[in-house]
Amino acid sequence: MPPYGTAMLSALSRVIQQNWLGLTILLAIVTAFVLLRSPATRLASGQELDALLADGAPKVVEFYSDF
């Protein structure tokens, strides 16, 4: 390992030790975003949705927007 690698590793260790709480909160927020976000739709278009709903069987349609 080059000599500057040891200094960078030491500095990184110091930053983690000094900011562990903030880093833990940031990691929790990122993890929650990844685990709780809405999945992408399986339908490619509105016409595909119309065709799916036109068969006469009861359906539940859930609409969600982040905006």
PDB file of N, CA and C in Angstrom:
ATOM      1  N   MET A   1       0.859  -1.180   0.000  1.00  0.00           N
ATOM      2  CA  MET A   1       0.000   0.000   0.000  1.00  0.00           C
ATOM      3  C   MET A   1       0.899   1.236   0.000  1.00  0.00           C
ATOM      4  N   PRO A   2       0.612   2.197  -0.857  1.00  0.00           N
ATOM      5  CA  PRO A   2       1.416   3.421  -0.889  1.00  0.00           C
ATOM      6  C   PRO A   2       1.324   4.169   0.439  1.00  0.00           C
ATOM      7  N   PRO A   3       2.319   4.992   0.740  1.00  0.00           N
ATOM      8  CA  PRO A   3       2.325   5.721   2.017  1.00  0.00           C
ATOM      9  C   PRO A   3       1.130   6.646   2.196  1.00  0.00           C
ATOM     10  N   TYR A   4       0.627   7.246   1.125  1.00  0.00           N
ATOM     11  CA  TYR A   4      -0.532   8.137   1.248  1.00  0.00           C
ATOM     12  C   TYR A   4      -1.797   7.343   1.551  1.00  0.00           C
ATOM     13  N   GLY A   5      -1.822   6.053   1.257  1.00  0.00           N
ATOM     14  CA  GLY A   5      -2.982   5.217   1.540  1.00  0.00           C
ATOM     15  C   GLY A   5      -3.228   5.092   3.030  1.00  0.00           C
ATOM     16  N   THR A   6      -2.172   4.981   3.802  1.00  0.00           N
ATOM     17  CA  THR A   6      -2.295   4.871   5.255  1.00  0.00           C
ATOM     18  C   THR A   6      -2.836   6.163   5.848  1.00  0.00           C
ATOM     19  N   ALA A   7      -2.378   7.302   5.349  1.00  0.00           N
ATOM     20  CA  ALA A   7      -2.847   8.589   5.842  1.00  0.00           C
ATOM     21  C   ALA A   7      -4.319   8.791   5.502  1.00  0.00           C
ATOM     22  N   MET A   8      -4.715   8.386   4.290  1.00  0.00           N
ATOM     23  CA  MET A   8      -6.117   8.532   3.897  1.00  0.00           C
ATOM     24  C   MET A   8      -7.005   7.612   4.724  1.00  0.00           C
ATOM     25  N   LEU A   9      -6.533   6.401   4.993  1.00  0.00           N
ATOM     26  CA  LEU A   9      -7.295   5.464   5.804  1.00  0.00           C
ATOM     27  C   LEU A   9      -7.453   5.989   7.224  1.00  0.00           C
ATOM     28  N   SER A  10      -6.414   6.594   7.754  1.00  0.00           N
ATOM     29  CA  SER A  10      -6.476   7.178   9.090  1.00  0.00           C
ATOM     30  C   SER A  10      -7.445   8.357   9.133  1.00  0.00           C
ATOM     31  N   ALA A  11      -7.408   9.194   8.107  1.00  0.00           N
ATOM     32  CA  ALA A  11      -8.316  10.339   8.050  1.00  0.00           C
ATOM     33  C   ALA A  11      -9.754   9.879   7.903  1.00  0.00           C
ATOM     34  N   LEU A  12      -9.997   8.869   7.080  1.00  0.00           N
ATOM     35  CA  LEU A  12     -11.343   8.332   6.917  1.00  0.00           C
ATOM     36  C   LEU A  12     -11.857   7.730   8.220  1.00  0.00           C
ATOM     37  N   SER A  13     -11.005   7.022   8.925  1.00  0.00           N
ATOM     38  CA  SER A  13     -11.388   6.443  10.218  1.00  0.00           C
ATOM     39  C   SER A  13     -11.765   7.537  11.210  1.00  0.00           C
ATOM     40  N   ARG A  14     -11.007   8.628  11.202  1.00  0.00           N
ATOM     41  CA  ARG A  14     -11.271   9.753  12.111  1.00  0.00           C
ATOM     42  C   ARG A  14     -12.613  10.410  11.772  1.00  0.00           C
ATOM     43  N   VAL A  15     -12.907  10.584  10.476  1.00  0.00           N
ATOM     44  CA  VAL A  15     -14.171  11.186  10.049  1.00  0.00           C
ATOM     45  C   VAL A  15     -15.339  10.309  10.481  1.00  0.00           C
ATOM     46  N   ILE A  16     -15.207   9.004  10.310  1.00  0.00           N
ATOM     47  CA  ILE A  16     -16.281   8.086  10.707  1.00  0.00           C
ATOM     48  C   ILE A  16     -16.494   8.128  12.210  1.00  0.00           C
ATOM     49  N   GLN A  17     -15.431   8.149  12.980  1.00  0.00           N
ATOM     50  CA  GLN A  17     -15.554   8.198  14.435  1.00  0.00           C
ATOM     51  C   GLN A  17     -16.202   9.492  14.908  1.00  0.00           C
ATOM     52  N   GLN A  18     -15.910  10.595  14.254  1.00  0.00           N
ATOM     53  CA  GLN A  18     -16.448  11.881  14.676  1.00  0.00           C
ATOM     54  C   GLN A  18     -17.885  12.095  14.211  1.00  0.00           C
ATOM     55  N   ASN A  19     -18.299  11.424  13.141  1.00  0.00           N
ATOM     56  CA  ASN A  19     -19.611  11.672  12.550  1.00  0.00           C
ATOM     57  C   ASN A  19     -20.464  10.410  12.469  1.00  0.00           C
ATOM     58  N   TRP A  20     -20.268   9.480  13.362  1.00  0.00           N
ATOM     59  CA  TRP A  20     -20.959   8.194  13.273  1.00  0.00           C
ATOM     60  C   TRP A  20     -22.479   8.342  13.353  1.00  0.00           C
ATOM     61  N   LEU A  21     -22.968   9.246  14.162  1.00  0.00           N
ATOM     62  CA  LEU A  21     -24.419   9.402  14.314  1.00  0.00           C
ATOM     63  C   LEU A  21     -25.047   9.939  13.022  1.00  0.00           C
ATOM     64  N   GLY A  22     -24.477  10.967  12.452  1.00  0.00           N
ATOM     65  CA  GLY A  22     -24.989  11.522  11.206  1.00  0.00           C
ATOM     66  C   GLY A  22     -24.911  10.519  10.063  1.00  0.00           C
ATOM     67  N   LEU A  23     -23.815   9.774   9.996  1.00  0.00           N
ATOM     68  CA  LEU A  23     -23.673   8.752   8.963  1.00  0.00           C
ATOM     69  C   LEU A  23     -24.686   7.630   9.146  1.00  0.00           C
ATOM     70  N   THR A  24     -24.976   7.266  10.389  1.00  0.00           N
ATOM     71  CA  THR A  24     -25.976   6.233  10.666  1.00  0.00           C
ATOM     72  C   THR A  24     -27.365   6.703  10.248  1.00  0.00           C
ATOM     73  N   ILE A  25     -27.703   7.948  10.540  1.00  0.00           N
ATOM     74  CA  ILE A  25     -29.006   8.499  10.145  1.00  0.00           C
ATOM     75  C   ILE A  25     -29.105   8.561   8.624  1.00  0.00           C
ATOM     76  N   LEU A  26     -28.050   9.002   7.962  1.00  0.00           N
ATOM     77  CA  LEU A  26     -28.036   9.055   6.504  1.00  0.00           C
ATOM     78  C   LEU A  26     -28.201   7.664   5.897  1.00  0.00           C
ATOM     79  N   LEU A  27     -27.523   6.684   6.456  1.00  0.00           N
ATOM     80  CA  LEU A  27     -27.661   5.307   5.980  1.00  0.00           C
ATOM     81  C   LEU A  27     -29.077   4.794   6.189  1.00  0.00           C
ATOM     82  N   ALA A  28     -29.708   5.127   7.309  1.00  0.00           N
ATOM     83  CA  ALA A  28     -31.092   4.706   7.571  1.00  0.00           C
ATOM     84  C   ALA A  28     -32.061   5.343   6.577  1.00  0.00           C
ATOM     85  N   ILE A  29     -31.847   6.611   6.245  1.00  0.00           N
ATOM     86  CA  ILE A  29     -32.721   7.298   5.279  1.00  0.00           C
ATOM     87  C   ILE A  29     -32.577   6.674   3.892  1.00  0.00           C
ATOM     88  N   VAL A  30     -31.367   6.418   3.469  1.00  0.00           N
ATOM     89  CA  VAL A  30     -31.137   5.807   2.154  1.00  0.00           C
ATOM     90  C   VAL A  30     -31.728   4.402   2.114  1.00  0.00           C
ATOM     91  N   THR A  31     -31.546   3.636   3.181  1.00  0.00           N
ATOM     92  CA  THR A  31     -32.101   2.281   3.249  1.00  0.00           C
ATOM     93  C   THR A  31     -33.620   2.317   3.198  1.00  0.00           C
ATOM     94  N   ALA A  32     -34.247   3.222   3.936  1.00  0.00           N
ATOM     95  CA  ALA A  32     -35.704   3.340   3.925  1.00  0.00           C
ATOM     96  C   ALA A  32     -36.201   3.724   2.533  1.00  0.00           C
ATOM     97  N   PHE A  33     -35.508   4.617   1.862  1.00  0.00           N
ATOM     98  CA  PHE A  33     -35.911   5.012   0.512  1.00  0.00           C
ATOM     99  C   PHE A  33     -35.880   3.819  -0.439  1.00  0.00           C
ATOM    100  N   VAL A  34     -34.812   3.043  -0.371  1.00  0.00           N
ATOM    101  CA  VAL A  34     -34.666   1.903  -1.280  1.00  0.00           C
ATOM    102  C   VAL A  34     -35.718   0.837  -0.982  1.00  0.00           C
ATOM    103  N   LEU A  35     -35.989   0.573   0.285  1.00  0.00           N
ATOM    104  CA  LEU A  35     -36.913  -0.491   0.650  1.00  0.00           C
ATOM    105  C   LEU A  35     -38.381  -0.100   0.523  1.00  0.00           C
ATOM    106  N   LEU A  36     -38.724   1.183   0.683  1.00  0.00           N
ATOM    107  CA  LEU A  36     -40.122   1.595   0.741  1.00  0.00           C
ATOM    108  C   LEU A  36     -40.630   2.293  -0.521  1.00  0.00           C
ATOM    109  N   ARG A  37     -39.796   2.484  -1.506  1.00  0.00           N
ATOM    110  CA  ARG A  37     -40.257   3.200  -2.700  1.00  0.00           C
ATOM    111  C   ARG A  37     -41.220   2.341  -3.514  1.00  0.00           C
ATOM    112  N   SER A  38     -42.024   3.014  -4.290  1.00  0.00           N
ATOM    113  CA  SER A  38     -42.997   2.331  -5.142  1.00  0.00           C
ATOM    114  C   SER A  38     -42.281   1.676  -6.317  1.00  0.00           C
ATOM    115  N   PRO A  39     -42.649   0.450  -6.632  1.00  0.00           N
ATOM    116  CA  PRO A  39     -42.022  -0.192  -7.794  1.00  0.00           C
ATOM    117  C   PRO A  39     -42.544   0.403  -9.094  1.00  0.00           C
ATOM    118  N   ALA A  40     -41.818   0.207 -10.143  1.00  0.00           N
ATOM    119  CA  ALA A  40     -42.233   0.696 -11.454  1.00  0.00           C
ATOM    120  C   ALA A  40     -43.444  -0.099 -11.928  1.00  0.00           C
ATOM    121  N   THR A  41     -44.240   0.514 -12.760  1.00  0.00           N
ATOM    122  CA  THR A  41     -45.420  -0.143 -13.289  1.00  0.00           C
ATOM    123  C   THR A  41     -45.035  -1.228 -14.290  1.00  0.00           C
ATOM    124  N   ARG A  42     -45.890  -2.227 -14.389  1.00  0.00           N
ATOM    125  CA  ARG A  42     -45.666  -3.289 -15.369  1.00  0.00           C
ATOM    126  C   ARG A  42     -46.351  -2.954 -16.695  1.00  0.00           C
ATOM    127  N   LEU A  43     -47.150  -1.905 -16.708  1.00  0.00           N
ATOM    128  CA  LEU A  43     -47.881  -1.528 -17.915  1.00  0.00           C
ATOM    129  C   LEU A  43     -47.087  -0.495 -18.702  1.00  0.00           C
ATOM    130  N   ALA A  44     -47.088  -0.659 -20.019  1.00  0.00           N
ATOM    131  CA  ALA A  44     -46.302   0.238 -20.859  1.00  0.00           C
ATOM    132  C   ALA A  44     -47.073   1.483 -21.281  1.00  0.00           C
ATOM    133  N   SER A  45     -48.424   1.391 -21.301  1.00  0.00           N
ATOM    134  CA  SER A  45     -49.192   2.529 -21.802  1.00  0.00           C
ATOM    135  C   SER A  45     -50.601   2.524 -21.223  1.00  0.00           C
ATOM    136  N   GLY A  46     -51.311   3.610 -21.462  1.00  0.00           N
ATOM    137  CA  GLY A  46     -52.703   3.702 -21.046  1.00  0.00           C
ATOM    138  C   GLY A  46     -53.590   2.738 -21.803  1.00  0.00           C
ATOM    139  N   GLN A  47     -53.247   2.477 -23.068  1.00  0.00           N
ATOM    140  CA  GLN A  47     -54.028   1.530 -23.862  1.00  0.00           C
ATOM    141  C   GLN A  47     -53.916   0.114 -23.277  1.00  0.00           C
ATOM    142  N   GLU A  48     -52.757  -0.236 -22.773  1.00  0.00           N
ATOM    143  CA  GLU A  48     -52.581  -1.547 -22.139  1.00  0.00           C
ATOM    144  C   GLU A  48     -53.433  -1.646 -20.878  1.00  0.00           C
ATOM    145  N   LEU A  49     -53.529  -0.560 -20.110  1.00  0.00           N
ATOM    146  CA  LEU A  49     -54.394  -0.533 -18.932  1.00  0.00           C
ATOM    147  C   LEU A  49     -55.858  -0.681 -19.338  1.00  0.00           C
ATOM    148  N   ASP A  50     -56.278   0.033 -20.373  1.00  0.00           N
ATOM    149  CA  ASP A  50     -57.662  -0.081 -20.856  1.00  0.00           C
ATOM    150  C   ASP A  50     -57.994  -1.509 -21.262  1.00  0.00           C
ATOM    151  N   ALA A  51     -57.086  -2.158 -21.955  1.00  0.00           N
ATOM    152  CA  ALA A  51     -57.310  -3.534 -22.388  1.00  0.00           C
ATOM    153  C   ALA A  51     -57.399  -4.477 -21.195  1.00  0.00           C
ATOM    154  N   LEU A  52     -56.592  -4.235 -20.190  1.00  0.00           N
ATOM    155  CA  LEU A  52     -56.601  -5.082 -18.991  1.00  0.00           C
ATOM    156  C   LEU A  52     -57.907  -4.921 -18.219  1.00  0.00           C
ATOM    157  N   LEU A  53     -58.443  -3.708 -18.179  1.00  0.00           N
ATOM    158  CA  LEU A  53     -59.662  -3.442 -17.422  1.00  0.00           C
ATOM    159  C   LEU A  53     -60.934  -3.795 -18.191  1.00  0.00           C
ATOM    160  N   ALA A  54     -60.855  -4.055 -19.482  1.00  0.00           N
ATOM    161  CA  ALA A  54     -62.035  -4.251 -20.315  1.00  0.00           C
ATOM    162  C   ALA A  54     -62.591  -5.672 -20.291  1.00  0.00           C
ATOM    163  N   ASP A  55     -61.988  -6.582 -19.542  1.00  0.00           N
ATOM    164  CA  ASP A  55     -62.453  -7.971 -19.587  1.00  0.00           C
ATOM    165  C   ASP A  55     -63.686  -8.235 -18.725  1.00  0.00           C
ATOM    166  N   GLY A  56     -64.159  -7.265 -17.958  1.00  0.00           N
ATOM    167  CA  GLY A  56     -65.385  -7.413 -17.181  1.00  0.00           C
ATOM    168  C   GLY A  56     -65.177  -7.922 -15.763  1.00  0.00           C
ATOM    169  N   ALA A  57     -64.021  -8.426 -15.429  1.00  0.00           N
ATOM    170  CA  ALA A  57     -63.750  -8.902 -14.065  1.00  0.00           C
ATOM    171  C   ALA A  57     -63.430  -7.710 -13.165  1.00  0.00           C
ATOM    172  N   PRO A  58     -63.821  -7.785 -11.881  1.00  0.00           N
ATOM    173  CA  PRO A  58     -63.520  -6.677 -10.961  1.00  0.00           C
ATOM    174  C   PRO A  58     -62.005  -6.507 -10.780  1.00  0.00           C
ATOM    175  N   LYS A  59     -61.571  -5.280 -10.682  1.00  0.00           N
ATOM    176  CA  LYS A  59     -60.155  -4.964 -10.505  1.00  0.00           C
ATOM    177  C   LYS A  59     -60.007  -3.881  -9.447  1.00  0.00           C
ATOM    178  N   VAL A  60     -58.871  -3.857  -8.814  1.00  0.00           N
ATOM    179  CA  VAL A  60     -58.504  -2.779  -7.901  1.00  0.00           C
ATOM    180  C   VAL A  60     -57.356  -2.025  -8.557  1.00  0.00           C
ATOM    181  N   VAL A  61     -57.547  -0.736  -8.760  1.00  0.00           N
ATOM    182  CA  VAL A  61     -56.513   0.091  -9.377  1.00  0.00           C
ATOM    183  C   VAL A  61     -55.974   1.028  -8.318  1.00  0.00           C
ATOM    184  N   GLU A  62     -54.683   0.986  -8.123  1.00  0.00           N
ATOM    185  CA  GLU A  62     -54.026   1.846  -7.146  1.00  0.00           C
ATOM    186  C   GLU A  62     -53.182   2.849  -7.907  1.00  0.00           C
ATOM    187  N   PHE A  63     -53.365   4.119  -7.616  1.00  0.00           N
ATOM    188  CA  PHE A  63     -52.600   5.166  -8.268  1.00  0.00           C
ATOM    189  C   PHE A  63     -51.819   5.920  -7.204  1.00  0.00           C
ATOM    190  N   TYR A  64     -50.532   6.099  -7.426  1.00  0.00           N
ATOM    191  CA  TYR A  64     -49.688   6.839  -6.512  1.00  0.00           C
ATOM    192  C   TYR A  64     -48.731   7.706  -7.316  1.00  0.00           C
ATOM    193  N   SER A  65     -48.532   8.908  -6.854  1.00  0.00           N
ATOM    194  CA  SER A  65     -47.593   9.802  -7.506  1.00  0.00           C
ATOM    195  C   SER A  65     -46.742  10.495  -6.450  1.00  0.00           C
ATOM    196  N   ASP A  66     -45.480  10.645  -6.719  1.00  0.00           N
ATOM    197  CA  ASP A  66     -44.572  11.345  -5.807  1.00  0.00           C
ATOM    198  C   ASP A  66     -44.701  12.851  -5.921  1.00  0.00           C
ATOM    199  N   PHE A  67     -45.499  13.323  -6.863  1.00  0.00           N
ATOM    200  CA  PHE A  67     -45.642  14.757  -7.079  1.00  0.00           C
ATOM    201  C   PHE A  67     -46.891  15.295  -6.464  1.00  0.00           C
TER     202      PHE A  67
END
